[in-house]
Amino acid sequence: MLIERFKSKIHRARITQADLNYVGSITIDEALMEAANLIEGEKVQIVNNNNGERLETYVIKGERGSGVICLNGAAARRAQVGDVVIIIGYGLMDIEEAKSFEPSIVFPDENNQVPTSS
């Protein structure tokens, strides 16, 4: 049996853009994608902490180091620039793998940059 399990999270990123005239998706800084173990085209859930909205879309790779978090297309109506969101990726795995799986979690700074460890 396979279960869907949380595998990736970008916790409390800020929306930098909302582009209604784009064909769907969320654009995410490539460095954040890499740190959270997300890939281009992957389905993600977006949770908006400011208004409670939840939506699903797919990831588009944004410029590395730009801090971009842009909701595109109809999703642009569900957030405003500056809103704080959680971006969650899920994976299918068998139950035994799921029990020991360690998800990738990123806590970006106020500019959506991956924190550097000292």
PDB file of N, CA and C in Angstrom:
ATOM      1  N   MET A   1       0.839  -1.171   0.000  1.00  0.00           N
ATOM      2  CA  MET A   1       0.000   0.000   0.000  1.00  0.00           C
ATOM      3  C   MET A   1       0.890   1.243   0.000  1.00  0.00           C
ATOM      4  N   LEU A   2       0.493   2.245  -0.784  1.00  0.00           N
ATOM      5  CA  LEU A   2       1.189   3.520  -0.781  1.00  0.00           C
ATOM      6  C   LEU A   2       0.345   4.548  -0.043  1.00  0.00           C
ATOM      7  N   ILE A   3       1.031   5.442   0.671  1.00  0.00           N
ATOM      8  CA  ILE A   3       0.342   6.562   1.306  1.00  0.00           C
ATOM      9  C   ILE A   3       0.979   7.860   0.819  1.00  0.00           C
ATOM     10  N   GLU A   4       0.200   8.925   0.873  1.00  0.00           N
ATOM     11  CA  GLU A   4       0.721  10.240   0.519  1.00  0.00           C
ATOM     12  C   GLU A   4       1.234  10.883   1.799  1.00  0.00           C
ATOM     13  N   ARG A   5       2.513  11.265   1.786  1.00  0.00           N
ATOM     14  CA  ARG A   5       3.155  11.782   2.987  1.00  0.00           C
ATOM     15  C   ARG A   5       3.836  13.109   2.685  1.00  0.00           C
ATOM     16  N   PHE A   6       3.792  14.015   3.633  1.00  0.00           N
ATOM     17  CA  PHE A   6       4.490  15.288   3.545  1.00  0.00           C
ATOM     18  C   PHE A   6       5.979  15.020   3.346  1.00  0.00           C
ATOM     19  N   LYS A   7       6.591  15.616   2.315  1.00  0.00           N
ATOM     20  CA  LYS A   7       8.005  15.388   2.032  1.00  0.00           C
ATOM     21  C   LYS A   7       8.833  16.660   1.980  1.00  0.00           C
ATOM     22  N   SER A   8       8.180  17.812   1.700  1.00  0.00           N
ATOM     23  CA  SER A   8       8.903  19.061   1.495  1.00  0.00           C
ATOM     24  C   SER A   8       8.071  20.221   2.021  1.00  0.00           C
ATOM     25  N   LYS A   9       8.762  21.219   2.599  1.00  0.00           N
ATOM     26  CA  LYS A   9       8.019  22.402   3.048  1.00  0.00           C
ATOM     27  C   LYS A   9       8.916  23.621   3.028  1.00  0.00           C
ATOM     28  N   ILE A  10       8.371  24.698   2.469  1.00  0.00           N
ATOM     29  CA  ILE A  10       8.959  26.033   2.612  1.00  0.00           C
ATOM     30  C   ILE A  10       8.016  26.757   3.560  1.00  0.00           C
ATOM     31  N   HIS A  11       8.485  27.018   4.771  1.00  0.00           N
ATOM     32  CA  HIS A  11       7.632  27.502   5.856  1.00  0.00           C
ATOM     33  C   HIS A  11       7.745  29.013   6.024  1.00  0.00           C
ATOM     34  N   ARG A  12       6.659  29.708   5.777  1.00  0.00           N
ATOM     35  CA  ARG A  12       6.526  31.153   5.982  1.00  0.00           C
ATOM     36  C   ARG A  12       7.369  31.980   5.000  1.00  0.00           C
ATOM     37  N   ALA A  13       7.205  31.680   3.719  1.00  0.00           N
ATOM     38  CA  ALA A  13       7.780  32.535   2.676  1.00  0.00           C
ATOM     39  C   ALA A  13       6.797  33.678   2.421  1.00  0.00           C
ATOM     40  N   ARG A  14       7.287  34.743   1.845  1.00  0.00           N
ATOM     41  CA  ARG A  14       6.427  35.886   1.513  1.00  0.00           C
ATOM     42  C   ARG A  14       6.180  35.942   0.011  1.00  0.00           C
ATOM     43  N   ILE A  15       4.932  36.204  -0.350  1.00  0.00           N
ATOM     44  CA  ILE A  15       4.581  36.389  -1.759  1.00  0.00           C
ATOM     45  C   ILE A  15       5.248  37.677  -2.245  1.00  0.00           C
ATOM     46  N   THR A  16       6.008  37.565  -3.343  1.00  0.00           N
ATOM     47  CA  THR A  16       6.685  38.733  -3.908  1.00  0.00           C
ATOM     48  C   THR A  16       5.974  39.273  -5.140  1.00  0.00           C
ATOM     49  N   GLN A  17       5.166  38.408  -5.789  1.00  0.00           N
ATOM     50  CA  GLN A  17       4.454  38.793  -6.995  1.00  0.00           C
ATOM     51  C   GLN A  17       3.182  37.972  -7.121  1.00  0.00           C
ATOM     52  N   ALA A  18       2.217  38.539  -7.842  1.00  0.00           N
ATOM     53  CA  ALA A  18       1.002  37.814  -8.211  1.00  0.00           C
ATOM     54  C   ALA A  18       0.682  38.241  -9.643  1.00  0.00           C
ATOM     55  N   ASP A  19       0.764  37.292 -10.574  1.00  0.00           N
ATOM     56  CA  ASP A  19       0.634  37.597 -12.003  1.00  0.00           C
ATOM     57  C   ASP A  19      -0.595  36.892 -12.573  1.00  0.00           C
ATOM     58  N   LEU A  20      -1.708  37.612 -12.600  1.00  0.00           N
ATOM     59  CA  LEU A  20      -2.974  37.062 -13.061  1.00  0.00           C
ATOM     60  C   LEU A  20      -2.918  36.634 -14.528  1.00  0.00           C
ATOM     61  N   ASN A  21      -2.121  37.314 -15.331  1.00  0.00           N
ATOM     62  CA  ASN A  21      -2.085  37.056 -16.774  1.00  0.00           C
ATOM     63  C   ASN A  21      -1.024  36.040 -17.177  1.00  0.00           C
ATOM     64  N   TYR A  22      -0.796  35.054 -16.324  1.00  0.00           N
ATOM     65  CA  TYR A  22       0.151  33.984 -16.603  1.00  0.00           C
ATOM     66  C   TYR A  22      -0.616  32.677 -16.557  1.00  0.00           C
ATOM     67  N   VAL A  23      -0.152  31.682 -17.248  1.00  0.00           N
ATOM     68  CA  VAL A  23      -0.876  30.412 -17.312  1.00  0.00           C
ATOM     69  C   VAL A  23      -0.518  29.528 -16.117  1.00  0.00           C
ATOM     70  N   GLY A  24      -1.189  29.728 -15.003  1.00  0.00           N
ATOM     71  CA  GLY A  24      -1.096  28.862 -13.833  1.00  0.00           C
ATOM     72  C   GLY A  24       0.265  28.708 -13.179  1.00  0.00           C
ATOM     73  N   SER A  25       0.303  28.143 -11.991  1.00  0.00           N
ATOM     74  CA  SER A  25       1.502  27.720 -11.275  1.00  0.00           C
ATOM     75  C   SER A  25       1.994  28.690 -10.216  1.00  0.00           C
ATOM     76  N   ILE A  26       3.086  28.306  -9.567  1.00  0.00           N
ATOM     77  CA  ILE A  26       3.793  29.164  -8.619  1.00  0.00           C
ATOM     78  C   ILE A  26       5.268  29.156  -9.009  1.00  0.00           C
ATOM     79  N   THR A  27       5.847  30.329  -9.131  1.00  0.00           N
ATOM     80  CA  THR A  27       7.269  30.457  -9.414  1.00  0.00           C
ATOM     81  C   THR A  27       7.992  30.574  -8.079  1.00  0.00           C
ATOM     82  N   ILE A  28       9.017  29.727  -7.887  1.00  0.00           N
ATOM     83  CA  ILE A  28       9.772  29.676  -6.626  1.00  0.00           C
ATOM     84  C   ILE A  28      11.256  29.795  -6.936  1.00  0.00           C
ATOM     85  N   ASP A  29      11.945  30.630  -6.174  1.00  0.00           N
ATOM     86  CA  ASP A  29      13.404  30.772  -6.259  1.00  0.00           C
ATOM     87  C   ASP A  29      14.034  29.369  -6.287  1.00  0.00           C
ATOM     88  N   GLU A  30      14.901  29.141  -7.258  1.00  0.00           N
ATOM     89  CA  GLU A  30      15.528  27.827  -7.424  1.00  0.00           C
ATOM     90  C   GLU A  30      16.270  27.368  -6.171  1.00  0.00           C
ATOM     91  N   ALA A  31      16.893  28.298  -5.440  1.00  0.00           N
ATOM     92  CA  ALA A  31      17.614  27.920  -4.209  1.00  0.00           C
ATOM     93  C   ALA A  31      16.651  27.389  -3.156  1.00  0.00           C
ATOM     94  N   LEU A  32      15.477  28.002  -3.042  1.00  0.00           N
ATOM     95  CA  LEU A  32      14.469  27.502  -2.102  1.00  0.00           C
ATOM     96  C   LEU A  32      13.950  26.141  -2.539  1.00  0.00           C
ATOM     97  N   MET A  33      13.728  25.985  -3.853  1.00  0.00           N
ATOM     98  CA  MET A  33      13.274  24.687  -4.363  1.00  0.00           C
ATOM     99  C   MET A  33      14.269  23.598  -4.007  1.00  0.00           C
ATOM    100  N   GLU A  34      15.523  23.864  -4.263  1.00  0.00           N
ATOM    101  CA  GLU A  34      16.577  22.877  -4.004  1.00  0.00           C
ATOM    102  C   GLU A  34      16.645  22.529  -2.517  1.00  0.00           C
ATOM    103  N   ALA A  35      16.617  23.552  -1.660  1.00  0.00           N
ATOM    104  CA  ALA A  35      16.704  23.319  -0.213  1.00  0.00           C
ATOM    105  C   ALA A  35      15.511  22.513   0.309  1.00  0.00           C
ATOM    106  N   ALA A  36      14.343  22.700  -0.323  1.00  0.00           N
ATOM    107  CA  ALA A  36      13.135  21.999   0.114  1.00  0.00           C
ATOM    108  C   ALA A  36      12.907  20.690  -0.633  1.00  0.00           C
ATOM    109  N   ASN A  37      13.817  20.341  -1.543  1.00  0.00           N
ATOM    110  CA  ASN A  37      13.682  19.104  -2.316  1.00  0.00           C
ATOM    111  C   ASN A  37      12.421  19.108  -3.182  1.00  0.00           C
ATOM    112  N   LEU A  38      12.185  20.247  -3.849  1.00  0.00           N
ATOM    113  CA  LEU A  38      11.082  20.363  -4.800  1.00  0.00           C
ATOM    114  C   LEU A  38      11.671  20.442  -6.201  1.00  0.00           C
ATOM    115  N   ILE A  39      10.938  19.916  -7.191  1.00  0.00           N
ATOM    116  CA  ILE A  39      11.415  19.998  -8.567  1.00  0.00           C
ATOM    117  C   ILE A  39      10.374  20.717  -9.436  1.00  0.00           C
ATOM    118  N   GLU A  40      10.867  21.229 -10.568  1.00  0.00           N
ATOM    119  CA  GLU A  40       9.987  21.924 -11.487  1.00  0.00           C
ATOM    120  C   GLU A  40       8.886  20.969 -11.962  1.00  0.00           C
ATOM    121  N   GLY A  41       7.666  21.463 -11.982  1.00  0.00           N
ATOM    122  CA  GLY A  41       6.521  20.665 -12.402  1.00  0.00           C
ATOM    123  C   GLY A  41       5.855  19.888 -11.279  1.00  0.00           C
ATOM    124  N   GLU A  42       6.472  19.850 -10.115  1.00  0.00           N
ATOM    125  CA  GLU A  42       5.907  19.097  -8.991  1.00  0.00           C
ATOM    126  C   GLU A  42       4.647  19.778  -8.461  1.00  0.00           C
ATOM    127  N   LYS A  43       3.670  18.977  -8.119  1.00  0.00           N
ATOM    128  CA  LYS A  43       2.433  19.472  -7.511  1.00  0.00           C
ATOM    129  C   LYS A  43       2.717  19.885  -6.073  1.00  0.00           C
ATOM    130  N   VAL A  44       2.222  21.065  -5.689  1.00  0.00           N
ATOM    131  CA  VAL A  44       2.375  21.557  -4.323  1.00  0.00           C
ATOM    132  C   VAL A  44       1.056  22.120  -3.817  1.00  0.00           C
ATOM    133  N   GLN A  45       0.951  22.177  -2.514  1.00  0.00           N
ATOM    134  CA  GLN A  45      -0.168  22.836  -1.855  1.00  0.00           C
ATOM    135  C   GLN A  45       0.352  24.155  -1.286  1.00  0.00           C
ATOM    136  N   ILE A  46      -0.411  25.218  -1.473  1.00  0.00           N
ATOM    137  CA  ILE A  46      -0.058  26.530  -0.946  1.00  0.00           C
ATOM    138  C   ILE A  46      -1.082  26.873   0.130  1.00  0.00           C
ATOM    139  N   VAL A  47      -0.603  27.233   1.316  1.00  0.00           N
ATOM    140  CA  VAL A  47      -1.458  27.623   2.426  1.00  0.00           C
ATOM    141  C   VAL A  47      -1.142  29.075   2.745  1.00  0.00           C
ATOM    142  N   ASN A  48      -2.133  29.948   2.632  1.00  0.00           N
ATOM    143  CA  ASN A  48      -1.936  31.375   2.883  1.00  0.00           C
ATOM    144  C   ASN A  48      -2.266  31.673   4.339  1.00  0.00           C
ATOM    145  N   ASN A  49      -1.260  32.065   5.117  1.00  0.00           N
ATOM    146  CA  ASN A  49      -1.468  32.356   6.540  1.00  0.00           C
ATOM    147  C   ASN A  49      -2.282  33.624   6.769  1.00  0.00           C
ATOM    148  N   ASN A  50      -2.309  34.532   5.795  1.00  0.00           N
ATOM    149  CA  ASN A  50      -3.013  35.795   5.972  1.00  0.00           C
ATOM    150  C   ASN A  50      -4.526  35.671   5.797  1.00  0.00           C
ATOM    151  N   ASN A  51      -4.974  34.781   4.902  1.00  0.00           N
ATOM    152  CA  ASN A  51      -6.410  34.722   4.651  1.00  0.00           C
ATOM    153  C   ASN A  51      -7.000  33.312   4.725  1.00  0.00           C
ATOM    154  N   GLY A  52      -6.174  32.316   5.016  1.00  0.00           N
ATOM    155  CA  GLY A  52      -6.667  30.949   5.163  1.00  0.00           C
ATOM    156  C   GLY A  52      -6.878  30.191   3.861  1.00  0.00           C
ATOM    157  N   GLU A  53      -6.627  30.828   2.727  1.00  0.00           N
ATOM    158  CA  GLU A  53      -6.794  30.156   1.434  1.00  0.00           C
ATOM    159  C   GLU A  53      -5.841  28.978   1.303  1.00  0.00           C
ATOM    160  N   ARG A  54      -6.309  27.936   0.632  1.00  0.00           N
ATOM    161  CA  ARG A  54      -5.491  26.771   0.295  1.00  0.00           C
ATOM    162  C   ARG A  54      -5.718  26.477  -1.178  1.00  0.00           C
ATOM    163  N   LEU A  55      -4.638  26.142  -1.874  1.00  0.00           N
ATOM    164  CA  LEU A  55      -4.775  25.791  -3.274  1.00  0.00           C
ATOM    165  C   LEU A  55      -3.668  24.842  -3.664  1.00  0.00           C
ATOM    166  N   GLU A  56      -3.884  24.163  -4.776  1.00  0.00           N
ATOM    167  CA  GLU A  56      -2.869  23.271  -5.334  1.00  0.00           C
ATOM    168  C   GLU A  56      -2.488  23.777  -6.709  1.00  0.00           C
ATOM    169  N   THR A  57      -1.211  23.675  -7.019  1.00  0.00           N
ATOM    170  CA  THR A  57      -0.702  24.055  -8.322  1.00  0.00           C
ATOM    171  C   THR A  57       0.608  23.317  -8.544  1.00  0.00           C
ATOM    172  N   TYR A  58       1.393  23.758  -9.522  1.00  0.00           N
ATOM    173  CA  TYR A  58       2.675  23.120  -9.792  1.00  0.00           C
ATOM    174  C   TYR A  58       3.777  24.169  -9.791  1.00  0.00           C
ATOM    175  N   VAL A  59       4.991  23.706  -9.604  1.00  0.00           N
ATOM    176  CA  VAL A  59       6.153  24.585  -9.419  1.00  0.00           C
ATOM    177  C   VAL A  59       6.812  24.940 -10.750  1.00  0.00           C
ATOM    178  N   ILE A  60       7.168  26.214 -10.875  1.00  0.00           N
ATOM    179  CA  ILE A  60       8.027  26.703 -11.952  1.00  0.00           C
ATOM    180  C   ILE A  60       9.287  27.257 -11.289  1.00  0.00           C
ATOM    181  N   LYS A  61      10.428  26.935 -11.864  1.00  0.00           N
ATOM    182  CA  LYS A  61      11.709  27.371 -11.323  1.00  0.00           C
ATOM    183  C   LYS A  61      11.901  28.867 -11.561  1.00  0.00           C
ATOM    184  N   GLY A  62      12.192  29.590 -10.460  1.00  0.00           N
ATOM    185  CA  GLY A  62      12.500  31.016 -10.530  1.00  0.00           C
ATOM    186  C   GLY A  62      13.996  31.244 -10.436  1.00  0.00           C
ATOM    187  N   GLU A  63      14.409  32.450 -10.701  1.00  0.00           N
ATOM    188  CA  GLU A  63      15.830  32.798 -10.679  1.00  0.00           C
ATOM    189  C   GLU A  63      16.437  32.529  -9.304  1.00  0.00           C
ATOM    190  N   ARG A  64      17.559  31.807  -9.301  1.00  0.00           N
ATOM    191  CA  ARG A  64      18.266  31.461  -8.069  1.00  0.00           C
ATOM    192  C   ARG A  64      18.704  32.731  -7.341  1.00  0.00           C
ATOM    193  N   GLY A  65      18.392  32.796  -6.052  1.00  0.00           N
ATOM    194  CA  GLY A  65      18.798  33.924  -5.217  1.00  0.00           C
ATOM    195  C   GLY A  65      17.896  35.140  -5.309  1.00  0.00           C
ATOM    196  N   SER A  66      16.860  35.068  -6.141  1.00  0.00           N
ATOM    197  CA  SER A  66      15.965  36.216  -6.332  1.00  0.00           C
ATOM    198  C   SER A  66      14.958  36.380  -5.198  1.00  0.00           C
ATOM    199  N   GLY A  67      14.681  35.293  -4.481  1.00  0.00           N
ATOM    200  CA  GLY A  67      13.659  35.328  -3.436  1.00  0.00           C
ATOM    201  C   GLY A  67      12.242  35.306  -3.983  1.00  0.00           C
ATOM    202  N   VAL A  68      12.092  35.072  -5.283  1.00  0.00           N
ATOM    203  CA  VAL A  68      10.764  35.125  -5.901  1.00  0.00           C
ATOM    204  C   VAL A  68       9.842  34.016  -5.391  1.00  0.00           C
ATOM    205  N   ILE A  69       8.646  34.426  -5.021  1.00  0.00           N
ATOM    206  CA  ILE A  69       7.519  33.540  -4.750  1.00  0.00           C
ATOM    207  C   ILE A  69       6.343  34.218  -5.444  1.00  0.00           C
ATOM    208  N   CYS A  70       5.983  33.729  -6.621  1.00  0.00           N
ATOM    209  CA  CYS A  70       4.969  34.384  -7.445  1.00  0.00           C
ATOM    210  C   CYS A  70       3.836  33.433  -7.762  1.00  0.00           C
ATOM    211  N   LEU A  71       2.633  33.796  -7.337  1.00  0.00           N
ATOM    212  CA  LEU A  71       1.453  33.035  -7.726  1.00  0.00           C
ATOM    213  C   LEU A  71       1.011  33.520  -9.098  1.00  0.00           C
ATOM    214  N   ASN A  72       0.811  32.581 -10.009  1.00  0.00           N
ATOM    215  CA  ASN A  72       0.486  32.895 -11.396  1.00  0.00           C
ATOM    216  C   ASN A  72      -0.926  32.452 -11.747  1.00  0.00           C
ATOM    217  N   GLY A  73      -1.505  33.103 -12.741  1.00  0.00           N
ATOM    218  CA  GLY A  73      -2.825  32.734 -13.224  1.00  0.00           C
ATOM    219  C   GLY A  73      -3.897  32.973 -12.181  1.00  0.00           C
ATOM    220  N   ALA A  74      -4.925  32.134 -12.187  1.00  0.00           N
ATOM    221  CA  ALA A  74      -6.060  32.317 -11.278  1.00  0.00           C
ATOM    222  C   ALA A  74      -5.639  32.323  -9.808  1.00  0.00           C
ATOM    223  N   ALA A  75      -4.570  31.607  -9.475  1.00  0.00           N
ATOM    224  CA  ALA A  75      -4.085  31.563  -8.087  1.00  0.00           C
ATOM    225  C   ALA A  75      -3.673  32.943  -7.585  1.00  0.00           C
ATOM    226  N   ALA A  76      -3.348  33.850  -8.508  1.00  0.00           N
ATOM    227  CA  ALA A  76      -2.944  35.205  -8.124  1.00  0.00           C
ATOM    228  C   ALA A  76      -4.054  35.929  -7.362  1.00  0.00           C
ATOM    229  N   ARG A  77      -5.280  35.496  -7.536  1.00  0.00           N
ATOM    230  CA  ARG A  77      -6.410  36.107  -6.818  1.00  0.00           C
ATOM    231  C   ARG A  77      -6.484  35.653  -5.357  1.00  0.00           C
ATOM    232  N   ARG A  78      -5.696  34.640  -4.981  1.00  0.00           N
ATOM    233  CA  ARG A  78      -5.809  34.046  -3.647  1.00  0.00           C
ATOM    234  C   ARG A  78      -4.765  34.543  -2.667  1.00  0.00           C
ATOM    235  N   ALA A  79      -3.939  35.514  -3.115  1.00  0.00           N
ATOM    236  CA  ALA A  79      -2.913  36.082  -2.230  1.00  0.00           C
ATOM    237  C   ALA A  79      -2.549  37.471  -2.717  1.00  0.00           C
ATOM    238  N   GLN A  80      -1.981  38.243  -1.819  1.00  0.00           N
ATOM    239  CA  GLN A  80      -1.469  39.560  -2.164  1.00  0.00           C
ATOM    240  C   GLN A  80       0.021  39.580  -1.883  1.00  0.00           C
ATOM    241  N   VAL A  81       0.717  40.457  -2.581  1.00  0.00           N
ATOM    242  CA  VAL A  81       2.145  40.627  -2.315  1.00  0.00           C
ATOM    243  C   VAL A  81       2.311  40.930  -0.828  1.00  0.00           C
ATOM    244  N   GLY A  82       3.241  40.229  -0.198  1.00  0.00           N
ATOM    245  CA  GLY A  82       3.495  40.386   1.234  1.00  0.00           C
ATOM    246  C   GLY A  82       2.842  39.326   2.095  1.00  0.00           C
ATOM    247  N   ASP A  83       1.837  38.613   1.557  1.00  0.00           N
ATOM    248  CA  ASP A  83       1.207  37.540   2.333  1.00  0.00           C
ATOM    249  C   ASP A  83       2.239  36.457   2.655  1.00  0.00           C
ATOM    250  N   VAL A  84       2.076  35.844   3.808  1.00  0.00           N
ATOM    251  CA  VAL A  84       2.952  34.761   4.251  1.00  0.00           C
ATOM    252  C   VAL A  84       2.293  33.435   3.890  1.00  0.00           C
ATOM    253  N   VAL A  85       3.064  32.567   3.222  1.00  0.00           N
ATOM    254  CA  VAL A  85       2.525  31.279   2.782  1.00  0.00           C
ATOM    255  C   VAL A  85       3.422  30.129   3.220  1.00  0.00           C
ATOM    256  N   ILE A  86       2.820  28.964   3.250  1.00  0.00           N
ATOM    257  CA  ILE A  86       3.537  27.712   3.451  1.00  0.00           C
ATOM    258  C   ILE A  86       3.342  26.910   2.169  1.00  0.00           C
ATOM    259  N   ILE A  87       4.438  26.413   1.615  1.00  0.00           N
ATOM    260  CA  ILE A  87       4.403  25.637   0.377  1.00  0.00           C
ATOM    261  C   ILE A  87       4.776  24.202   0.734  1.00  0.00           C
ATOM    262  N   ILE A  88       3.881  23.267   0.440  1.00  0.00           N
ATOM    263  CA  ILE A  88       4.047  21.892   0.891  1.00  0.00           C
ATOM    264  C   ILE A  88       4.036  20.942  -0.311  1.00  0.00           C
ATOM    265  N   GLY A  89       5.027  20.060  -0.358  1.00  0.00           N
ATOM    266  CA  GLY A  89       5.078  19.000  -1.355  1.00  0.00           C
ATOM    267  C   GLY A  89       4.841  17.667  -0.673  1.00  0.00           C
ATOM    268  N   TYR A  90       4.200  16.756  -1.370  1.00  0.00           N
ATOM    269  CA  TYR A  90       3.883  15.429  -0.840  1.00  0.00           C
ATOM    270  C   TYR A  90       4.477  14.369  -1.753  1.00  0.00           C
ATOM    271  N   GLY A  91       4.708  13.206  -1.221  1.00  0.00           N
ATOM    272  CA  GLY A  91       5.214  12.098  -2.021  1.00  0.00           C
ATOM    273  C   GLY A  91       4.467  10.822  -1.686  1.00  0.00           C
ATOM    274  N   LEU A  92       4.393   9.928  -2.657  1.00  0.00           N
ATOM    275  CA  LEU A  92       3.798   8.613  -2.424  1.00  0.00           C
ATOM    276  C   LEU A  92       4.899   7.654  -2.005  1.00  0.00           C
ATOM    277  N   MET A  93       4.681   6.951  -0.934  1.00  0.00           N
ATOM    278  CA  MET A  93       5.663   5.965  -0.469  1.00  0.00           C
ATOM    279  C   MET A  93       4.957   4.862   0.285  1.00  0.00           C
ATOM    280  N   ASP A  94       5.638   3.725   0.378  1.00  0.00           N
ATOM    281  CA  ASP A  94       5.025   2.643   1.138  1.00  0.00           C
ATOM    282  C   ASP A  94       5.088   2.990   2.620  1.00  0.00           C
ATOM    283  N   ILE A  95       4.245   2.357   3.370  1.00  0.00           N
ATOM    284  CA  ILE A  95       4.066   2.724   4.774  1.00  0.00           C
ATOM    285  C   ILE A  95       5.341   2.574   5.601  1.00  0.00           C
ATOM    286  N   GLU A  96       6.154   1.578   5.316  1.00  0.00           N
ATOM    287  CA  GLU A  96       7.396   1.394   6.074  1.00  0.00           C
ATOM    288  C   GLU A  96       8.385   2.517   5.776  1.00  0.00           C
ATOM    289  N   GLU A  97       8.522   2.880   4.512  1.00  0.00           N
ATOM    290  CA  GLU A  97       9.391   4.002   4.157  1.00  0.00           C
ATOM    291  C   GLU A  97       8.872   5.285   4.800  1.00  0.00           C
ATOM    292  N   ALA A  98       7.565   5.482   4.785  1.00  0.00           N
ATOM    293  CA  ALA A  98       6.957   6.696   5.334  1.00  0.00           C
ATOM    294  C   ALA A  98       7.245   6.859   6.826  1.00  0.00           C
ATOM    295  N   LYS A  99       7.341   5.745   7.541  1.00  0.00           N
ATOM    296  CA  LYS A  99       7.581   5.804   8.987  1.00  0.00           C
ATOM    297  C   LYS A  99       8.939   6.411   9.326  1.00  0.00           C
ATOM    298  N   SER A 100       9.922   6.213   8.469  1.00  0.00           N
ATOM    299  CA  SER A 100      11.268   6.698   8.790  1.00  0.00           C
ATOM    300  C   SER A 100      11.715   7.860   7.891  1.00  0.00           C
ATOM    301  N   PHE A 101      10.871   8.261   6.956  1.00  0.00           N
ATOM    302  CA  PHE A 101      11.236   9.315   6.015  1.00  0.00           C
ATOM    303  C   PHE A 101      11.424  10.651   6.738  1.00  0.00           C
ATOM    304  N   GLU A 102      12.491  11.372   6.377  1.00  0.00           N
ATOM    305  CA  GLU A 102      12.763  12.703   6.944  1.00  0.00           C
ATOM    306  C   GLU A 102      12.463  13.760   5.888  1.00  0.00           C
ATOM    307  N   PRO A 103      11.437  14.584   6.104  1.00  0.00           N
ATOM    308  CA  PRO A 103      11.111  15.614   5.122  1.00  0.00           C
ATOM    309  C   PRO A 103      12.148  16.737   5.103  1.00  0.00           C
ATOM    310  N   SER A 104      12.181  17.456   3.991  1.00  0.00           N
ATOM    311  CA  SER A 104      13.049  18.630   3.851  1.00  0.00           C
ATOM    312  C   SER A 104      12.215  19.867   4.194  1.00  0.00           C
ATOM    313  N   ILE A 105      12.661  20.624   5.187  1.00  0.00           N
ATOM    314  CA  ILE A 105      11.931  21.811   5.641  1.00  0.00           C
ATOM    315  C   ILE A 105      12.868  23.001   5.586  1.00  0.00           C
ATOM    316  N   VAL A 106      12.396  24.090   4.977  1.00  0.00           N
ATOM    317  CA  VAL A 106      13.179  25.319   4.858  1.00  0.00           C
ATOM    318  C   VAL A 106      12.425  26.439   5.564  1.00  0.00           C
ATOM    319  N   PHE A 107      13.154  27.214   6.352  1.00  0.00           N
ATOM    320  CA  PHE A 107      12.608  28.384   7.024  1.00  0.00           C
ATOM    321  C   PHE A 107      13.300  29.611   6.433  1.00  0.00           C
ATOM    322  N   PRO A 108      12.760  30.162   5.336  1.00  0.00           N
ATOM    323  CA  PRO A 108      13.442  31.283   4.689  1.00  0.00           C
ATOM    324  C   PRO A 108      13.443  32.528   5.574  1.00  0.00           C
ATOM    325  N   ASP A 109      14.416  33.408   5.318  1.00  0.00           N
ATOM    326  CA  ASP A 109      14.454  34.666   6.048  1.00  0.00           C
ATOM    327  C   ASP A 109      13.402  35.619   5.478  1.00  0.00           C
ATOM    328  N   GLU A 110      13.384  36.855   5.961  1.00  0.00           N
ATOM    329  CA  GLU A 110      12.354  37.820   5.557  1.00  0.00           C
ATOM    330  C   GLU A 110      12.430  38.209   4.077  1.00  0.00           C
ATOM    331  N   ASN A 111      13.547  37.878   3.403  1.00  0.00           N
ATOM    332  CA  ASN A 111      13.717  38.144   1.982  1.00  0.00           C
ATOM    333  C   ASN A 111      13.626  36.870   1.136  1.00  0.00           C
ATOM    334  N   ASN A 112      13.045  35.826   1.716  1.00  0.00           N
ATOM    335  CA  ASN A 112      12.890  34.526   1.038  1.00  0.00           C
ATOM    336  C   ASN A 112      14.227  33.923   0.631  1.00  0.00           C
ATOM    337  N   GLN A 113      15.235  34.136   1.433  1.00  0.00           N
ATOM    338  CA  GLN A 113      16.548  33.539   1.180  1.00  0.00           C
ATOM    339  C   GLN A 113      16.732  32.328   2.078  1.00  0.00           C
ATOM    340  N   VAL A 114      17.440  31.339   1.572  1.00  0.00           N
ATOM    341  CA  VAL A 114      17.750  30.150   2.367  1.00  0.00           C
ATOM    342  C   VAL A 114      18.760  30.551   3.421  1.00  0.00           C
ATOM    343  N   PRO A 115      18.443  30.316   4.690  1.00  0.00           N
ATOM    344  CA  PRO A 115      19.394  30.677   5.744  1.00  0.00           C
ATOM    345  C   PRO A 115      20.694  29.887   5.595  1.00  0.00           C
ATOM    346  N   THR A 116      21.790  30.544   5.862  1.00  0.00           N
ATOM    347  CA  THR A 116      23.086  29.862   5.820  1.00  0.00           C
ATOM    348  C   THR A 116      23.427  29.405   7.219  1.00  0.00           C
ATOM    349  N   SER A 117      23.960  28.209   7.312  1.00  0.00           N
ATOM    350  CA  SER A 117      24.357  27.707   8.624  1.00  0.00           C
ATOM    351  C   SER A 117      25.745  28.232   8.960  1.00  0.00           C
ATOM    352  N   SER A 118      25.933  28.577  10.229  1.00  0.00           N
ATOM    353  CA  SER A 118      27.228  29.125  10.638  1.00  0.00           C
ATOM    354  C   SER A 118      28.103  28.091  11.249  1.00  0.00           C
TER     355      SER A 118
END
